[in-house]
Protein backbone atom coordinates (compact mmCIF):
# COMPACT_ATOMS: atom_id res chain seq x y z
CA ASP A 1 27.58 -61.61 -29.01
CA GLU A 2 24.31 -59.81 -29.76
CA ALA A 3 25.95 -57.63 -32.39
CA PHE A 4 27.44 -60.69 -34.12
CA VAL A 5 24.10 -62.50 -34.15
CA LEU A 6 22.42 -59.40 -35.57
CA GLN A 7 25.07 -59.03 -38.29
CA VAL A 8 24.68 -62.68 -39.29
CA ALA A 9 20.89 -62.30 -39.44
CA LEU A 10 21.23 -59.18 -41.62
CA ALA A 11 23.72 -60.91 -43.92
CA ARG A 12 21.32 -63.83 -44.34
CA ARG A 13 18.47 -61.45 -45.11
CA ARG A 14 20.58 -59.60 -47.70
CA TYR A 15 21.48 -62.90 -49.35
CA ALA A 16 17.83 -64.05 -49.34
CA ASP A 17 16.83 -60.77 -50.98
CA THR A 18 19.23 -61.44 -53.87
CA GLN A 19 17.26 -64.63 -54.56
CA LEU A 20 13.95 -62.78 -54.91
CA PRO A 21 12.79 -62.15 -58.46
CA ALA A 22 12.58 -58.61 -59.77
CA VAL A 23 12.19 -57.07 -63.19
CA ALA A 24 15.37 -55.49 -64.52
CA ARG A 25 14.80 -51.81 -65.32
CA ARG A 26 17.37 -50.73 -67.87
CA PRO A 27 17.59 -47.07 -68.92
CA VAL A 28 15.96 -46.29 -72.27
CA ALA A 29 17.81 -44.09 -74.75
CA ASP A 30 15.92 -40.89 -75.59
CA GLY A 31 13.46 -41.56 -72.77
CA LEU A 32 12.05 -39.35 -70.05
CA LEU A 33 15.40 -39.07 -68.29
CA ASP A 34 17.14 -37.59 -71.33
CA ALA A 35 14.30 -35.10 -71.85
CA PHE A 36 14.40 -34.16 -68.15
CA ASP A 37 18.19 -33.72 -68.11
CA ALA A 38 18.04 -31.54 -71.23
CA LYS A 39 15.67 -29.12 -69.46
CA LEU A 40 17.72 -28.77 -66.27
CA PRO A 41 18.99 -25.21 -65.81
CA PHE A 42 22.23 -26.55 -64.28
CA THR A 43 24.64 -29.44 -64.71
CA LEU A 44 24.77 -32.31 -62.26
CA THR A 45 27.74 -32.58 -59.94
CA GLU A 46 30.25 -35.38 -60.30
CA GLY A 47 28.82 -37.00 -57.15
CA GLN A 48 25.25 -36.84 -58.46
CA GLU A 49 26.35 -38.40 -61.76
CA LYS A 50 28.30 -41.14 -59.96
CA VAL A 51 25.50 -42.09 -57.59
CA SER A 52 22.93 -41.95 -60.39
CA LYS A 53 24.99 -44.44 -62.40
CA GLU A 54 25.27 -46.74 -59.39
CA ILE A 55 21.50 -46.63 -58.92
CA PHE A 56 20.87 -47.23 -62.64
CA ASP A 57 23.23 -50.24 -62.48
CA ASP A 58 21.32 -51.60 -59.46
CA LEU A 59 17.98 -51.10 -61.21
CA ALA A 60 19.26 -53.06 -64.21
CA THR A 61 19.78 -56.21 -62.12
CA GLU A 62 17.20 -58.91 -61.61
CA HIS A 63 17.07 -58.68 -57.83
CA PRO A 64 15.56 -56.01 -55.57
CA MET A 65 17.61 -52.92 -54.78
CA HIS A 66 17.99 -51.72 -51.20
CA ARG A 67 19.74 -48.37 -51.08
CA LEU A 68 19.86 -45.39 -48.76
CA LEU A 69 20.63 -42.08 -50.42
CA GLN A 70 22.05 -39.64 -47.90
CA GLY A 71 23.73 -36.27 -48.06
CA GLU A 72 23.72 -32.72 -46.77
CA VAL A 73 20.70 -30.46 -47.14
CA GLY A 74 20.75 -29.08 -50.68
CA SER A 75 23.15 -31.72 -52.02
CA GLY A 76 20.72 -32.96 -54.68
CA LYS A 77 19.26 -36.11 -53.13
CA THR A 78 15.80 -35.35 -54.52
CA MET A 79 17.25 -34.76 -57.99
CA VAL A 80 19.06 -38.11 -57.91
CA ALA A 81 15.91 -39.90 -56.70
CA LEU A 82 13.78 -38.22 -59.37
CA ARG A 83 16.24 -39.22 -62.09
CA ALA A 84 16.08 -42.83 -60.85
CA MET A 85 12.27 -42.75 -61.01
CA LEU A 86 12.36 -41.44 -64.57
CA THR A 87 14.36 -44.47 -65.72
CA VAL A 88 11.69 -46.93 -64.60
């Protein structure tokens, strides 16, 4: 019963968060992100590209984003987070 009550409370909180106002942050062509990517000495993995696009899509909405980026040590989490920051 406790787990169900907790899940309902979390679902309500997630819904309430979608009603909060936020400024949509859409990526800018030829912005900092493009300059940063051009200077990288390596190419991003398919997973890094995929998750970056998901984050960019979330940032482009008009409600707050709540996301946990997780992965193995050395999997590029910091790179993905930095790329997200450069779009804002």
